[in-house]
Amino acid sequence: MITDPACAALREGRVLEIRYDGYFRAVEVHAVGFTKDGNAVMRVWQVRGGSASNERVGWKLLRFDEAVNFGLLEEPSQAPRQGYNRNDPIMTQFVCRL
C-alpha cells in the first residue's frame, strides 16, 4: 500500500526522507490516513529540507500522490512534537498514528 513507508517510519521511530514539491524533505511521521475526499495524507513534522512555502521546519500535511522517493533514515524521530493532535480533524480514517 502507498502508505506503508510512512507507517514503517512511525512504527520504527525513524525519520522518513521524501521528495515532495520538487524538494527533498526529512520528516517525522505522526499520523497517516485519508481525508473526506479519499486522499491519502500524512501529518508530519518537517525537520529539514526544502519547501515551496519556504517554511523548512514545522507541521505539514502531505499528500501521498504528490510524494516520491520514500526512504527510511537511520536518524531517530523525536515524535511526538508539541502541538500534535492525535484526532487530526483533516483525516476521517486513520491507517496508523502515534
Protein backbone atom coordinates (compact mmCIF):
# COMPACT_ATOMS: atom_id res chain seq x y z
CA MET A 1 0.00 0.00 0.00
CA ILE A 2 1.17 3.54 -0.72
CA THR A 3 1.14 4.42 2.99
CA ASP A 4 3.47 1.57 4.04
CA PRO A 5 6.77 3.53 4.11
CA ALA A 6 5.28 6.26 6.32
CA CYS A 7 3.72 3.76 8.72
CA ALA A 8 7.03 1.86 8.88
CA ALA A 9 8.82 5.10 9.83
CA LEU A 10 6.23 5.75 12.52
CA ARG A 11 6.42 2.18 13.93
CA GLU A 12 10.21 2.12 13.91
CA GLY A 13 10.58 5.65 15.30
CA ARG A 14 12.73 6.82 12.38
CA VAL A 15 12.86 9.88 10.16
CA LEU A 16 11.44 9.47 6.66
CA GLU A 17 13.02 11.17 3.66
CA ILE A 18 10.76 12.01 0.72
CA ARG A 19 10.75 14.16 -2.38
CA TYR A 20 7.76 16.50 -2.38
CA ASP A 21 7.05 19.60 -4.50
CA GLY A 22 10.50 19.16 -6.04
CA TYR A 23 12.29 19.27 -2.68
CA PHE A 24 13.86 16.61 -0.51
CA ARG A 25 12.40 16.69 2.98
CA ALA A 26 13.21 14.85 6.19
CA VAL A 27 10.02 14.34 8.21
CA GLU A 28 8.80 12.72 11.40
CA VAL A 29 5.52 10.94 10.70
CA HIS A 30 2.82 11.42 13.33
CA ALA A 31 -0.32 10.18 11.55
CA VAL A 32 -1.31 8.61 8.24
CA GLY A 33 -4.84 8.41 6.92
CA PHE A 34 -7.45 9.55 4.43
CA THR A 35 -9.33 12.82 4.04
CA LYS A 36 -13.09 13.01 3.48
CA ASP A 37 -12.30 13.27 -0.26
CA GLY A 38 -10.38 9.98 -0.15
CA ASN A 39 -6.89 11.47 -0.43
CA ALA A 40 -4.13 9.55 1.36
CA VAL A 41 -2.24 12.03 3.56
CA MET A 42 0.31 12.12 6.35
CA ARG A 43 0.67 14.64 9.16
CA VAL A 44 4.38 15.22 9.68
CA TRP A 45 6.85 17.45 11.46
CA GLN A 46 9.43 18.52 8.88
CA VAL A 47 12.87 18.61 10.48
CA ARG A 48 14.76 19.87 7.43
CA GLY A 49 14.65 20.22 3.68
CA GLY A 50 13.05 22.45 1.12
CA SER A 51 9.55 23.80 0.88
CA ALA A 52 7.55 25.72 -1.73
CA SER A 53 6.31 27.97 1.10
CA ASN A 54 9.90 28.45 2.34
CA GLU A 55 8.88 27.01 5.74
CA ARG A 56 11.66 24.46 6.14
CA VAL A 57 10.71 23.25 9.63
CA GLY A 58 7.32 22.63 11.20
CA TRP A 59 3.96 20.95 10.76
CA LYS A 60 2.96 19.81 7.28
CA LEU A 61 0.10 17.86 5.76
CA LEU A 62 1.48 15.96 2.77
CA ARG A 63 -0.46 14.05 0.13
CA PHE A 64 0.92 10.68 -0.93
CA ASP A 65 0.02 11.25 -4.58
CA GLU A 66 2.45 14.19 -4.62
CA ALA A 67 5.31 12.38 -2.82
CA VAL A 68 8.01 10.17 -4.34
CA ASN A 69 11.29 8.51 -3.34
CA PHE A 70 10.46 7.33 0.17
CA GLY A 71 13.44 6.27 2.27
CA LEU A 72 13.86 5.46 5.95
CA LEU A 73 16.82 7.19 7.53
CA GLU A 74 18.83 5.84 10.46
CA GLU A 75 18.03 9.08 12.28
CA PRO A 76 15.62 8.61 15.22
CA SER A 77 12.34 10.50 15.20
CA GLN A 78 11.64 12.91 18.06
CA ALA A 79 7.86 12.39 17.70
CA PRO A 80 5.52 13.33 19.18
CA ARG A 81 6.25 17.01 18.69
CA GLN A 82 4.49 19.75 20.61
CA GLY A 83 1.11 20.56 19.11
CA TYR A 84 0.39 17.06 17.79
CA ASN A 85 -3.35 16.30 17.70
CA ARG A 86 -3.95 12.55 17.69
CA ASN A 87 -7.50 13.15 16.43
CA ASP A 88 -6.45 15.25 13.44
CA PRO A 89 -9.74 16.63 12.02
CA ILE A 90 -8.40 16.55 8.42
CA MET A 91 -8.38 12.73 8.49
CA THR A 92 -11.63 10.82 8.56
CA GLN A 93 -9.90 7.44 8.57
CA PHE A 94 -6.52 6.57 10.12
CA VAL A 95 -4.12 3.93 8.82
CA CYS A 96 -1.54 4.47 11.59
CA ARG A 97 -0.80 7.15 14.17
CA LEU A 98 1.02 7.83 17.40
